[in-house]
Amino acid sequence: MNDLAAVIFDMDGTLVDTERVSQTAWRRAAADLELPVPERIWDAFVGCSMGNARAMIDDEFGDPALTDRLFAHQHELFIRFQDEELEPCPGALEALGALAEAGVTLALATSTAREHALPTLDRFGMTPYFCSLTFGDEIEHAKPAPDIYLRAAERLTLEPAVCAAVEDSVNGARAAVAAGMRTYLVPEWATPTPDLTARCAAVLDSLHELPALILPR
């Protein structure tokens, strides 16, 4: 695996297609409330903490009570949609299986709180692949701050420089790059800037491509 000692995965939008379901729920909730949310905000929500997302809506509309209604309605819709529509991202289970079979140390670093992330991982049989799990409610500063990746490396007793991170969002990739990790980006919603693309080890079309980049030939 060259000089890499571990691969640390994001969850939402990277391993599990929660971003697609979440975006559907956000847009339906805004439409139900007749709230004209700009596209730039939906893009910024990808890989964003709940606190930062709420701040964006507050800043845009200046009505915290309206923000409360939007977030409550989105949560209701997301719970309803995920039972029928949630599925692993293309290549996710295959990549985890191939890396684990090759003896690669795998860990998770997700912005989602433990109580919400664990059932999703368990639902798709992903939990046993990871030797360490780090959740968004365990760190102070959300992505794009590097905190969660630094914490994940610390739990593995590894330096960030010998870890790879796998992300789907701009905020997540920025966090991994800032932590000093080799970053693989599989963008789904937001398009990375040329500067961010240049700082990533690779930009992939799907996780099907990841094992070949990680495992020695």
N, C-alpha and C. Protein backbone atom coordinates (compact mmCIF):
# COMPACT_ATOMS: atom_id res chain seq x y z
N MET A 1 0.84 -1.21 0.00
CA MET A 1 0.00 0.00 0.00
C MET A 1 0.87 1.25 0.00
N ASN A 2 2.06 1.08 -0.59
CA ASN A 2 3.00 2.20 -0.65
C ASN A 2 3.29 2.70 0.76
N ASP A 3 3.20 4.01 1.00
CA ASP A 3 3.52 4.56 2.32
C ASP A 3 2.26 4.82 3.14
N LEU A 4 1.11 4.36 2.69
CA LEU A 4 -0.13 4.58 3.42
C LEU A 4 -0.32 3.53 4.50
N ALA A 5 -0.74 3.97 5.68
CA ALA A 5 -0.96 3.05 6.79
C ALA A 5 -2.44 2.81 7.04
N ALA A 6 -3.32 3.69 6.55
CA ALA A 6 -4.76 3.54 6.78
C ALA A 6 -5.54 4.36 5.76
N VAL A 7 -6.78 3.97 5.55
CA VAL A 7 -7.70 4.72 4.70
C VAL A 7 -8.91 5.09 5.55
N ILE A 8 -9.23 6.38 5.58
CA ILE A 8 -10.32 6.89 6.42
C ILE A 8 -11.43 7.39 5.50
N PHE A 9 -12.62 6.84 5.68
CA PHE A 9 -13.76 7.16 4.82
C PHE A 9 -14.73 8.12 5.49
N ASP A 10 -15.23 9.06 4.73
CA ASP A 10 -16.45 9.78 5.07
C ASP A 10 -17.62 8.82 4.83
N MET A 11 -18.79 9.13 5.37
CA MET A 11 -19.94 8.25 5.16
C MET A 11 -20.97 8.84 4.19
N ASP A 12 -21.55 9.99 4.54
CA ASP A 12 -22.67 10.54 3.77
C ASP A 12 -22.22 10.99 2.39
N GLY A 13 -22.78 10.37 1.36
CA GLY A 13 -22.44 10.73 0.00
C GLY A 13 -21.20 10.03 -0.51
N THR A 14 -20.43 9.42 0.39
CA THR A 14 -19.22 8.70 0.00
C THR A 14 -19.48 7.20 0.02
N LEU A 15 -19.92 6.69 1.17
CA LEU A 15 -20.22 5.27 1.29
C LEU A 15 -21.72 4.98 1.11
N VAL A 16 -22.54 5.88 1.62
CA VAL A 16 -23.99 5.70 1.56
C VAL A 16 -24.59 6.93 0.87
N ASP A 17 -25.56 6.67 0.00
CA ASP A 17 -26.10 7.73 -0.86
C ASP A 17 -27.10 8.62 -0.11
N THR A 18 -26.71 9.05 1.08
CA THR A 18 -27.59 9.89 1.88
C THR A 18 -27.74 11.29 1.30
N GLU A 19 -26.71 11.77 0.60
CA GLU A 19 -26.79 13.13 0.07
C GLU A 19 -27.90 13.28 -0.95
N ARG A 20 -28.07 12.27 -1.80
CA ARG A 20 -29.15 12.33 -2.79
C ARG A 20 -30.51 12.37 -2.09
N VAL A 21 -30.69 11.51 -1.09
CA VAL A 21 -31.96 11.49 -0.37
C VAL A 21 -32.14 12.78 0.41
N SER A 22 -31.06 13.26 1.02
CA SER A 22 -31.14 14.50 1.80
C SER A 22 -31.48 15.69 0.92
N GLN A 23 -30.84 15.78 -0.25
CA GLN A 23 -31.13 16.89 -1.15
C GLN A 23 -32.58 16.85 -1.63
N THR A 24 -33.09 15.66 -1.91
CA THR A 24 -34.49 15.53 -2.30
C THR A 24 -35.40 16.04 -1.19
N ALA A 25 -35.07 15.67 0.05
CA ALA A 25 -35.89 16.10 1.18
C ALA A 25 -35.79 17.60 1.41
N TRP A 26 -34.58 18.18 1.27
CA TRP A 26 -34.42 19.63 1.44
C TRP A 26 -35.26 20.39 0.43
N ARG A 27 -35.16 19.98 -0.81
CA ARG A 27 -35.86 20.72 -1.87
C ARG A 27 -37.37 20.58 -1.75
N ARG A 28 -37.83 19.39 -1.36
CA ARG A 28 -39.27 19.20 -1.16
C ARG A 28 -39.76 20.03 0.02
N ALA A 29 -38.97 20.06 1.12
CA ALA A 29 -39.36 20.83 2.30
C ALA A 29 -39.45 22.32 1.97
N ALA A 30 -38.45 22.83 1.23
CA ALA A 30 -38.48 24.25 0.86
C ALA A 30 -39.66 24.56 -0.04
N ALA A 31 -39.96 23.68 -0.97
CA ALA A 31 -41.11 23.88 -1.86
C ALA A 31 -42.41 23.88 -1.07
N ASP A 32 -42.53 22.95 -0.11
CA ASP A 32 -43.76 22.89 0.70
C ASP A 32 -43.96 24.17 1.50
N LEU A 33 -42.85 24.80 1.91
CA LEU A 33 -42.92 26.04 2.68
C LEU A 33 -42.87 27.28 1.79
N GLU A 34 -42.82 27.04 0.47
CA GLU A 34 -42.72 28.14 -0.51
C GLU A 34 -41.53 29.04 -0.18
N LEU A 35 -40.39 28.40 0.10
CA LEU A 35 -39.17 29.10 0.50
C LEU A 35 -38.17 29.05 -0.65
N PRO A 36 -37.82 30.20 -1.25
CA PRO A 36 -36.92 30.22 -2.41
C PRO A 36 -35.44 30.14 -1.99
N VAL A 37 -35.00 28.95 -1.66
CA VAL A 37 -33.61 28.76 -1.23
C VAL A 37 -32.71 28.75 -2.47
N PRO A 38 -31.67 29.58 -2.51
CA PRO A 38 -30.78 29.61 -3.68
C PRO A 38 -30.01 28.30 -3.84
N GLU A 39 -29.67 27.98 -5.07
CA GLU A 39 -28.94 26.75 -5.37
C GLU A 39 -27.59 26.71 -4.66
N ARG A 40 -26.96 27.87 -4.49
CA ARG A 40 -25.65 27.90 -3.83
C ARG A 40 -25.73 27.38 -2.41
N ILE A 41 -26.86 27.55 -1.75
CA ILE A 41 -27.01 27.06 -0.39
C ILE A 41 -27.15 25.55 -0.39
N TRP A 42 -27.94 25.00 -1.33
CA TRP A 42 -28.04 23.54 -1.40
C TRP A 42 -26.67 22.93 -1.65
N ASP A 43 -25.88 23.53 -2.53
CA ASP A 43 -24.52 23.03 -2.79
C ASP A 43 -23.66 23.09 -1.53
N ALA A 44 -23.79 24.20 -0.78
CA ALA A 44 -22.98 24.37 0.42
C ALA A 44 -23.38 23.42 1.54
N PHE A 45 -24.61 22.90 1.51
CA PHE A 45 -25.07 21.96 2.53
C PHE A 45 -24.33 20.63 2.47
N VAL A 46 -23.76 20.28 1.31
CA VAL A 46 -23.10 18.99 1.16
C VAL A 46 -21.84 18.96 2.01
N GLY A 47 -21.78 18.02 2.94
CA GLY A 47 -20.64 17.91 3.84
C GLY A 47 -20.62 18.95 4.93
N CYS A 48 -21.73 19.63 5.13
CA CYS A 48 -21.81 20.74 6.10
C CYS A 48 -22.43 20.24 7.40
N SER A 49 -21.97 20.78 8.52
CA SER A 49 -22.58 20.43 9.81
C SER A 49 -23.97 21.04 9.91
N MET A 50 -24.80 20.47 10.77
CA MET A 50 -26.17 20.98 10.93
C MET A 50 -26.16 22.41 11.45
N GLY A 51 -25.25 22.71 12.36
CA GLY A 51 -25.16 24.07 12.90
C GLY A 51 -24.83 25.09 11.84
N ASN A 52 -23.86 24.77 10.98
CA ASN A 52 -23.49 25.68 9.90
C ASN A 52 -24.62 25.82 8.88
N ALA A 53 -25.33 24.72 8.62
CA ALA A 53 -26.45 24.78 7.68
C ALA A 53 -27.56 25.68 8.21
N ARG A 54 -27.85 25.55 9.49
CA ARG A 54 -28.88 26.42 10.09
C ARG A 54 -28.46 27.89 9.99
N ALA A 55 -27.18 28.17 10.22
CA ALA A 55 -26.70 29.54 10.15
C ALA A 55 -26.87 30.12 8.75
N MET A 56 -26.68 29.30 7.73
CA MET A 56 -26.85 29.77 6.35
C MET A 56 -28.31 30.17 6.08
N ILE A 57 -29.25 29.36 6.56
CA ILE A 57 -30.66 29.68 6.34
C ILE A 57 -31.05 30.91 7.17
N ASP A 58 -30.56 30.99 8.39
CA ASP A 58 -30.83 32.17 9.22
C ASP A 58 -30.34 33.44 8.52
N ASP A 59 -29.11 33.37 7.99
CA ASP A 59 -28.52 34.54 7.33
C ASP A 59 -29.30 34.92 6.07
N GLU A 60 -29.80 33.91 5.37
CA GLU A 60 -30.48 34.16 4.09
C GLU A 60 -31.85 34.78 4.30
N PHE A 61 -32.60 34.30 5.32
CA PHE A 61 -33.99 34.72 5.47
C PHE A 61 -34.26 35.51 6.75
N GLY A 62 -33.32 35.49 7.69
CA GLY A 62 -33.46 36.30 8.90
C GLY A 62 -34.63 35.94 9.78
N ASP A 63 -35.01 34.66 9.78
CA ASP A 63 -36.18 34.23 10.55
C ASP A 63 -35.89 32.86 11.18
N PRO A 64 -35.34 32.83 12.40
CA PRO A 64 -35.00 31.56 13.05
C PRO A 64 -36.18 30.61 13.18
N ALA A 65 -37.38 31.15 13.37
CA ALA A 65 -38.56 30.29 13.47
C ALA A 65 -38.82 29.58 12.13
N LEU A 66 -38.60 30.29 11.03
CA LEU A 66 -38.75 29.68 9.71
C LEU A 66 -37.68 28.61 9.50
N THR A 67 -36.48 28.88 9.95
CA THR A 67 -35.41 27.88 9.88
C THR A 67 -35.81 26.62 10.63
N ASP A 68 -36.38 26.79 11.81
CA ASP A 68 -36.84 25.64 12.60
C ASP A 68 -37.86 24.81 11.83
N ARG A 69 -38.80 25.49 11.18
CA ARG A 69 -39.83 24.77 10.43
C ARG A 69 -39.24 24.01 9.25
N LEU A 70 -38.31 24.66 8.55
CA LEU A 70 -37.68 24.03 7.40
C LEU A 70 -36.92 22.77 7.82
N PHE A 71 -36.13 22.89 8.89
CA PHE A 71 -35.31 21.76 9.31
C PHE A 71 -36.16 20.62 9.87
N ALA A 72 -37.22 20.97 10.57
CA ALA A 72 -38.11 19.93 11.11
C ALA A 72 -38.81 19.18 9.97
N HIS A 73 -39.28 19.91 8.98
CA HIS A 73 -39.98 19.29 7.86
C HIS A 73 -39.02 18.44 7.03
N GLN A 74 -37.80 18.95 6.81
CA GLN A 74 -36.82 18.17 6.06
C GLN A 74 -36.52 16.86 6.76
N HIS A 75 -36.38 16.89 8.08
CA HIS A 75 -36.09 15.68 8.84
C HIS A 75 -37.22 14.66 8.68
N GLU A 76 -38.45 15.11 8.75
CA GLU A 76 -39.59 14.22 8.56
C GLU A 76 -39.55 13.56 7.18
N LEU A 77 -39.28 14.37 6.17
CA LEU A 77 -39.25 13.85 4.80
C LEU A 77 -38.07 12.89 4.60
N PHE A 78 -36.92 13.24 5.18
CA PHE A 78 -35.73 12.39 5.03
C PHE A 78 -35.98 11.01 5.62
N ILE A 79 -36.56 10.96 6.82
CA ILE A 79 -36.87 9.68 7.46
C ILE A 79 -37.81 8.86 6.58
N ARG A 80 -38.78 9.53 5.98
CA ARG A 80 -39.75 8.84 5.12
C ARG A 80 -39.07 8.31 3.86
N PHE A 81 -38.23 9.15 3.23
CA PHE A 81 -37.61 8.77 1.96
C PHE A 81 -36.54 7.69 2.13
N GLN A 82 -35.78 7.76 3.23
CA GLN A 82 -34.63 6.87 3.34
C GLN A 82 -35.03 5.41 3.45
N ASP A 83 -36.19 5.12 4.01
CA ASP A 83 -36.62 3.74 4.13
C ASP A 83 -36.75 3.07 2.77
N GLU A 84 -37.15 3.85 1.76
CA GLU A 84 -37.36 3.29 0.43
C GLU A 84 -36.21 3.55 -0.53
N GLU A 85 -35.48 4.66 -0.34
CA GLU A 85 -34.54 5.09 -1.38
C GLU A 85 -33.07 4.97 -1.00
N LEU A 86 -32.74 4.84 0.28
CA LEU A 86 -31.34 4.86 0.69
C LEU A 86 -30.63 3.59 0.25
N GLU A 87 -29.42 3.74 -0.29
CA GLU A 87 -28.63 2.60 -0.74
C GLU A 87 -27.15 2.96 -0.71
N PRO A 88 -26.27 1.96 -0.75
CA PRO A 88 -24.83 2.26 -0.79
C PRO A 88 -24.46 3.02 -2.06
N CYS A 89 -23.43 3.82 -2.00
CA CYS A 89 -22.92 4.49 -3.19
C CYS A 89 -22.29 3.46 -4.12
N PRO A 90 -22.26 3.72 -5.42
CA PRO A 90 -21.67 2.76 -6.35
C PRO A 90 -20.22 2.43 -5.99
N GLY A 91 -19.94 1.15 -5.86
CA GLY A 91 -18.59 0.70 -5.57
C GLY A 91 -18.19 0.71 -4.12
N ALA A 92 -19.08 1.18 -3.22
CA ALA A 92 -18.70 1.33 -1.82
C ALA A 92 -18.40 -0.02 -1.16
N LEU A 93 -19.33 -0.95 -1.24
CA LEU A 93 -19.13 -2.25 -0.61
C LEU A 93 -17.98 -3.00 -1.27
N GLU A 94 -17.85 -2.85 -2.58
CA GLU A 94 -16.76 -3.51 -3.29
C GLU A 94 -15.40 -2.96 -2.85
N ALA A 95 -15.30 -1.64 -2.70
CA ALA A 95 -14.04 -1.02 -2.28
C ALA A 95 -13.68 -1.42 -0.85
N LEU A 96 -14.66 -1.36 0.05
CA LEU A 96 -14.39 -1.77 1.43
C LEU A 96 -13.94 -3.22 1.49
N GLY A 97 -14.62 -4.08 0.74
CA GLY A 97 -14.26 -5.50 0.75
C GLY A 97 -12.87 -5.75 0.21
N ALA A 98 -12.53 -5.10 -0.90
CA ALA A 98 -11.22 -5.30 -1.51
C ALA A 98 -10.10 -4.80 -0.61
N LEU A 99 -10.28 -3.64 -0.01
CA LEU A 99 -9.25 -3.08 0.86
C LEU A 99 -9.09 -3.92 2.12
N ALA A 100 -10.21 -4.32 2.71
CA ALA A 100 -10.14 -5.13 3.92
C ALA A 100 -9.49 -6.48 3.64
N GLU A 101 -9.82 -7.08 2.52
CA GLU A 101 -9.24 -8.37 2.17
C GLU A 101 -7.73 -8.27 1.99
N ALA A 102 -7.27 -7.09 1.53
CA ALA A 102 -5.84 -6.87 1.34
C ALA A 102 -5.13 -6.48 2.64
N GLY A 103 -5.88 -6.40 3.73
CA GLY A 103 -5.27 -6.09 5.02
C GLY A 103 -5.09 -4.62 5.32
N VAL A 104 -5.79 -3.77 4.57
CA VAL A 104 -5.68 -2.33 4.79
C VAL A 104 -6.48 -1.95 6.04
N THR A 105 -5.91 -1.11 6.89
CA THR A 105 -6.61 -0.57 8.05
C THR A 105 -7.61 0.48 7.58
N LEU A 106 -8.88 0.29 7.97
CA LEU A 106 -9.95 1.19 7.54
C LEU A 106 -10.57 1.86 8.76
N ALA A 107 -10.91 3.14 8.60
CA ALA A 107 -11.57 3.90 9.67
C ALA A 107 -12.63 4.79 9.05
N LEU A 108 -13.49 5.33 9.91
CA LEU A 108 -14.58 6.20 9.48
C LEU A 108 -14.46 7.55 10.16
N ALA A 109 -14.75 8.63 9.41
CA ALA A 109 -14.80 9.98 9.96
C ALA A 109 -15.99 10.69 9.35
N THR A 110 -17.13 10.66 10.03
CA THR A 110 -18.36 11.22 9.48
C THR A 110 -18.87 12.38 10.32
N SER A 111 -19.40 13.38 9.64
CA SER A 111 -19.99 14.53 10.34
C SER A 111 -21.29 14.18 11.05
N THR A 112 -21.87 13.05 10.70
CA THR A 112 -23.13 12.62 11.30
C THR A 112 -22.91 12.15 12.73
N ALA A 113 -23.88 12.43 13.60
CA ALA A 113 -23.81 11.99 14.99
C ALA A 113 -23.87 10.47 15.07
N ARG A 114 -23.28 9.91 16.11
CA ARG A 114 -23.21 8.46 16.30
C ARG A 114 -24.60 7.81 16.22
N GLU A 115 -25.58 8.40 16.90
CA GLU A 115 -26.90 7.76 16.98
C GLU A 115 -27.57 7.62 15.63
N HIS A 116 -27.20 8.49 14.68
CA HIS A 116 -27.79 8.42 13.34
C HIS A 116 -26.91 7.63 12.38
N ALA A 117 -25.59 7.71 12.56
CA ALA A 117 -24.67 7.05 11.63
C ALA A 117 -24.62 5.54 11.81
N LEU A 118 -24.60 5.07 13.05
CA LEU A 118 -24.45 3.64 13.29
C LEU A 118 -25.56 2.80 12.66
N PRO A 119 -26.84 3.20 12.80
CA PRO A 119 -27.88 2.40 12.16
C PRO A 119 -27.72 2.33 10.64
N THR A 120 -27.23 3.42 10.04
CA THR A 120 -27.03 3.42 8.59
C THR A 120 -25.91 2.47 8.21
N LEU A 121 -24.79 2.51 8.93
CA LEU A 121 -23.68 1.60 8.66
C LEU A 121 -24.11 0.15 8.85
N ASP A 122 -24.83 -0.09 9.94
CA ASP A 122 -25.29 -1.46 10.23
C ASP A 122 -26.25 -1.96 9.16
N ARG A 123 -27.10 -1.07 8.68
CA ARG A 123 -28.10 -1.46 7.67
C ARG A 123 -27.47 -2.07 6.43
N PHE A 124 -26.28 -1.56 6.05
CA PHE A 124 -25.63 -2.04 4.83
C PHE A 124 -24.42 -2.92 5.12
N GLY A 125 -24.26 -3.34 6.38
CA GLY A 125 -23.20 -4.27 6.73
C GLY A 125 -21.81 -3.68 6.65
N MET A 126 -21.68 -2.38 6.84
CA MET A 126 -20.38 -1.72 6.71
C MET A 126 -19.59 -1.64 8.02
N THR A 127 -20.27 -1.65 9.14
CA THR A 127 -19.61 -1.43 10.42
C THR A 127 -18.42 -2.35 10.66
N PRO A 128 -18.49 -3.66 10.38
CA PRO A 128 -17.35 -4.54 10.69
C PRO A 128 -16.08 -4.23 9.92
N TYR A 129 -16.16 -3.48 8.87
CA TYR A 129 -14.95 -3.16 8.10
C TYR A 129 -14.03 -2.19 8.84
N PHE A 130 -14.57 -1.44 9.80
CA PHE A 130 -13.81 -0.34 10.39
C PHE A 130 -13.24 -0.71 11.76
N CYS A 131 -11.97 -0.36 11.96
CA CYS A 131 -11.35 -0.59 13.26
C CYS A 131 -11.51 0.62 14.17
N SER A 132 -11.96 1.74 13.60
CA SER A 132 -12.16 2.96 14.38
C SER A 132 -13.27 3.78 13.73
N LEU A 133 -14.12 4.38 14.57
CA LEU A 133 -15.23 5.20 14.11
C LEU A 133 -15.20 6.54 14.82
N THR A 134 -15.23 7.63 14.07
CA THR A 134 -15.26 8.97 14.65
C THR A 134 -16.47 9.70 14.09
N PHE A 135 -17.26 10.31 14.99
CA PHE A 135 -18.54 10.91 14.61
C PHE A 135 -18.53 12.41 14.84
N GLY A 136 -19.45 13.09 14.16
CA GLY A 136 -19.50 14.54 14.21
C GLY A 136 -19.79 15.11 15.57
N ASP A 137 -20.50 14.36 16.42
CA ASP A 137 -20.81 14.88 17.75
C ASP A 137 -19.67 14.67 18.74
N GLU A 138 -18.52 14.21 18.24
CA GLU A 138 -17.36 13.99 19.11
C GLU A 138 -16.27 15.04 18.91
N ILE A 139 -16.50 15.97 17.99
CA ILE A 139 -15.48 16.98 17.72
C ILE A 139 -16.11 18.38 17.83
N GLU A 140 -15.24 19.38 18.04
CA GLU A 140 -15.73 20.74 18.26
C GLU A 140 -16.00 21.47 16.96
N HIS A 141 -15.07 21.41 16.02
CA HIS A 141 -15.19 22.18 14.79
C HIS A 141 -15.48 21.25 13.61
N ALA A 142 -16.58 21.52 12.91
CA ALA A 142 -17.01 20.67 11.81
C ALA A 142 -16.17 20.91 10.55
N LYS A 143 -16.26 19.98 9.60
CA LYS A 143 -15.65 20.20 8.29
C LYS A 143 -16.17 21.51 7.71
N PRO A 144 -15.34 22.32 7.09
CA PRO A 144 -14.03 22.03 6.53
C PRO A 144 -12.84 22.15 7.49
N ALA A 145 -13.07 22.37 8.78
CA ALA A 145 -11.97 22.29 9.73
C ALA A 145 -11.44 20.85 9.76
N PRO A 146 -10.17 20.65 10.01
CA PRO A 146 -9.58 19.31 9.93
C PRO A 146 -9.80 18.44 11.16
N ASP A 147 -10.52 18.95 12.17
CA ASP A 147 -10.59 18.29 13.47
C ASP A 147 -10.95 16.81 13.40
N ILE A 148 -11.97 16.47 12.62
CA ILE A 148 -12.45 15.09 12.64
C ILE A 148 -11.41 14.13 12.05
N TYR A 149 -10.66 14.58 11.05
CA TYR A 149 -9.63 13.72 10.49
C TYR A 149 -8.41 13.63 11.40
N LEU A 150 -8.10 14.69 12.07
CA LEU A 150 -7.01 14.64 13.06
C LEU A 150 -7.37 13.70 14.20
N ARG A 151 -8.62 13.74 14.63
CA ARG A 151 -9.08 12.85 15.70
C ARG A 151 -9.05 11.39 15.23
N ALA A 152 -9.47 11.16 14.00
CA ALA A 152 -9.46 9.80 13.47
C ALA A 152 -8.05 9.24 13.40
N ALA A 153 -7.10 10.05 12.96
CA ALA A 153 -5.70 9.60 12.90
C ALA A 153 -5.16 9.34 14.30
N GLU A 154 -5.51 10.21 15.23
CA GLU A 154 -5.06 10.04 16.61
C GLU A 154 -5.56 8.72 17.18
N ARG A 155 -6.80 8.37 16.90
CA ARG A 155 -7.35 7.12 17.41
C ARG A 155 -6.66 5.91 16.80
N LEU A 156 -6.11 6.07 15.61
CA LEU A 156 -5.35 4.99 14.98
C LEU A 156 -3.89 5.00 15.41
N THR A 157 -3.53 6.00 16.23
CA THR A 157 -2.13 6.24 16.64
C THR A 157 -1.22 6.37 15.41
N LEU A 158 -1.70 7.13 14.43
CA LEU A 158 -0.96 7.36 13.20
C LEU A 158 -0.83 8.85 12.93
N GLU A 159 0.23 9.21 12.23
CA GLU A 159 0.35 10.58 11.74
C GLU A 159 -0.59 10.77 10.54
N PRO A 160 -1.21 11.94 10.43
CA PRO A 160 -2.10 12.17 9.28
C PRO A 160 -1.45 11.94 7.92
N ALA A 161 -0.15 12.20 7.82
CA ALA A 161 0.53 12.10 6.54
C ALA A 161 0.57 10.67 5.99
N VAL A 162 0.37 9.67 6.85
CA VAL A 162 0.39 8.28 6.37
C VAL A 162 -1.03 7.73 6.23
N CYS A 163 -2.02 8.64 6.26
CA CYS A 163 -3.41 8.25 6.10
C CYS A 163 -3.97 8.82 4.80
N ALA A 164 -4.84 8.06 4.17
CA ALA A 164 -5.62 8.56 3.03
C ALA A 164 -7.03 8.84 3.51
N ALA A 165 -7.66 9.85 2.94
CA ALA A 165 -9.05 10.17 3.23
C ALA A 165 -9.85 10.08 1.95
N VAL A 166 -11.10 9.58 2.07
CA VAL A 166 -11.97 9.43 0.91
C VAL A 166 -13.23 10.24 1.18
N GLU A 167 -13.51 11.19 0.30
CA GLU A 167 -14.58 12.17 0.50
C GLU A 167 -15.39 12.38 -0.76
N ASP A 168 -16.62 12.89 -0.58
CA ASP A 168 -17.44 13.25 -1.73
C ASP A 168 -17.68 14.75 -1.82
N SER A 169 -17.50 15.49 -0.71
CA SER A 169 -17.88 16.90 -0.67
C SER A 169 -16.67 17.83 -0.68
N VAL A 170 -16.92 19.04 -1.09
CA VAL A 170 -15.87 20.06 -1.07
C VAL A 170 -15.42 20.33 0.37
N ASN A 171 -16.39 20.50 1.28
CA ASN A 171 -16.03 20.74 2.68
C ASN A 171 -15.22 19.59 3.26
N GLY A 172 -15.63 18.37 2.95
CA GLY A 172 -14.91 17.21 3.46
C GLY A 172 -13.50 17.11 2.91
N ALA A 173 -13.36 17.34 1.61
CA ALA A 173 -12.03 17.29 1.00
C ALA A 173 -11.12 18.38 1.56
N ARG A 174 -11.68 19.55 1.79
CA ARG A 174 -10.88 20.62 2.40
C ARG A 174 -10.41 20.22 3.79
N ALA A 175 -11.28 19.56 4.54
CA ALA A 175 -10.91 19.11 5.89
C ALA A 175 -9.77 18.11 5.84
N ALA A 176 -9.87 17.15 4.92
CA ALA A 176 -8.84 16.12 4.80
C ALA A 176 -7.52 16.70 4.34
N VAL A 177 -7.57 17.59 3.37
CA VAL A 177 -6.34 18.24 2.88
C VAL A 177 -5.71 19.06 3.99
N ALA A 178 -6.53 19.80 4.74
CA ALA A 178 -6.01 20.61 5.85
C ALA A 178 -5.39 19.75 6.94
N ALA A 179 -5.88 18.52 7.08
CA ALA A 179 -5.31 17.60 8.07
C ALA A 179 -3.98 17.02 7.60
N GLY A 180 -3.67 17.20 6.33
CA GLY A 180 -2.41 16.69 5.79
C GLY A 180 -2.50 15.28 5.25
N MET A 181 -3.72 14.85 4.90
CA MET A 181 -3.92 13.49 4.40
C MET A 181 -3.97 13.46 2.88
N ARG A 182 -3.58 12.32 2.33
CA ARG A 182 -3.73 12.09 0.90
C ARG A 182 -5.22 11.94 0.62
N THR A 183 -5.77 12.81 -0.17
CA THR A 183 -7.22 12.91 -0.29
C THR A 183 -7.73 12.44 -1.65
N TYR A 184 -8.69 11.52 -1.60
CA TYR A 184 -9.35 11.02 -2.81
C TYR A 184 -10.78 11.54 -2.80
N LEU A 185 -11.15 12.26 -3.85
CA LEU A 185 -12.45 12.92 -3.91
C LEU A 185 -13.33 12.25 -4.95
N VAL A 186 -14.55 11.88 -4.52
CA VAL A 186 -15.55 11.31 -5.43
C VAL A 186 -16.74 12.27 -5.42
N PRO A 187 -16.68 13.35 -6.18
CA PRO A 187 -17.71 14.40 -6.07
C PRO A 187 -19.06 13.94 -6.59
N GLU A 188 -20.11 14.34 -5.87
CA GLU A 188 -21.46 13.99 -6.29
C GLU A 188 -22.27 15.23 -6.63
N TRP A 189 -22.38 16.18 -5.69
CA TRP A 189 -23.22 17.36 -5.89
C TRP A 189 -22.41 18.59 -6.27
N ALA A 190 -21.48 18.97 -5.40
CA ALA A 190 -20.73 20.21 -5.64
C ALA A 190 -19.50 19.93 -6.51
N THR A 191 -19.20 20.85 -7.39
CA THR A 191 -18.02 20.73 -8.25
C THR A 191 -16.82 21.35 -7.55
N PRO A 192 -15.73 20.59 -7.38
CA PRO A 192 -14.55 21.15 -6.70
C PRO A 192 -13.87 22.22 -7.55
N THR A 193 -13.29 23.19 -6.88
CA THR A 193 -12.54 24.22 -7.58
C THR A 193 -11.24 23.63 -8.13
N PRO A 194 -10.66 24.25 -9.15
CA PRO A 194 -9.37 23.76 -9.66
C PRO A 194 -8.30 23.70 -8.58
N ASP A 195 -8.32 24.65 -7.65
CA ASP A 195 -7.33 24.65 -6.58
C ASP A 195 -7.47 23.42 -5.70
N LEU A 196 -8.72 23.08 -5.33
CA LEU A 196 -8.94 21.90 -4.50
C LEU A 196 -8.60 20.63 -5.26
N THR A 197 -8.99 20.56 -6.52
CA THR A 197 -8.67 19.39 -7.33
C THR A 197 -7.17 19.15 -7.39
N ALA A 198 -6.41 20.22 -7.51
CA ALA A 198 -4.96 20.11 -7.58
C ALA A 198 -4.35 19.60 -6.28
N ARG A 199 -5.04 19.83 -5.17
CA ARG A 199 -4.52 19.40 -3.87
C ARG A 199 -4.94 17.99 -3.49
N CYS A 200 -5.82 17.39 -4.28
CA CYS A 200 -6.25 16.02 -4.04
C CYS A 200 -5.32 15.05 -4.77
N ALA A 201 -5.20 13.84 -4.21
CA ALA A 201 -4.39 12.82 -4.87
C ALA A 201 -5.05 12.35 -6.16
N ALA A 202 -6.39 12.31 -6.17
CA ALA A 202 -7.13 11.94 -7.37
C ALA A 202 -8.59 12.33 -7.19
N VAL A 203 -9.25 12.60 -8.31
CA VAL A 203 -10.70 12.83 -8.34
C VAL A 203 -11.30 11.67 -9.12
N LEU A 204 -12.19 10.91 -8.47
CA LEU A 204 -12.69 9.66 -9.03
C LEU A 204 -14.13 9.80 -9.50
N ASP A 205 -14.50 8.96 -10.46
CA ASP A 205 -15.89 8.90 -10.90
C ASP A 205 -16.73 8.07 -9.95
N SER A 206 -16.12 7.05 -9.33
CA SER A 206 -16.82 6.22 -8.35
C SER A 206 -15.79 5.48 -7.50
N LEU A 207 -16.26 4.85 -6.43
CA LEU A 207 -15.37 4.10 -5.55
C LEU A 207 -14.87 2.81 -6.20
N HIS A 208 -15.43 2.44 -7.33
CA HIS A 208 -14.89 1.28 -8.05
C HIS A 208 -13.42 1.49 -8.39
N GLU A 209 -13.01 2.75 -8.55
CA GLU A 209 -11.63 3.07 -8.95
C GLU A 209 -10.65 3.06 -7.78
N LEU A 210 -11.15 3.12 -6.55
CA LEU A 210 -10.27 3.35 -5.40
C LEU A 210 -9.28 2.23 -5.12
N PRO A 211 -9.68 0.97 -5.07
CA PRO A 211 -8.70 -0.06 -4.70
C PRO A 211 -7.45 -0.07 -5.57
N ALA A 212 -7.60 0.15 -6.86
CA ALA A 212 -6.44 0.15 -7.76
C ALA A 212 -5.47 1.28 -7.43
N LEU A 213 -5.99 2.38 -6.88
CA LEU A 213 -5.12 3.51 -6.53
C LEU A 213 -4.45 3.31 -5.17
N ILE A 214 -5.06 2.51 -4.31
CA ILE A 214 -4.54 2.32 -2.96
C ILE A 214 -3.62 1.11 -2.87
N LEU A 215 -4.02 0.01 -3.50
CA LEU A 215 -3.28 -1.24 -3.34
C LEU A 215 -2.08 -1.28 -4.27
N PRO A 216 -0.96 -1.86 -3.82
CA PRO A 216 0.23 -1.96 -4.68
C PRO A 216 -0.03 -2.87 -5.87
N ARG A 217 0.54 -2.50 -6.98
CA ARG A 217 0.36 -3.32 -8.19
C ARG A 217 1.35 -4.49 -8.18
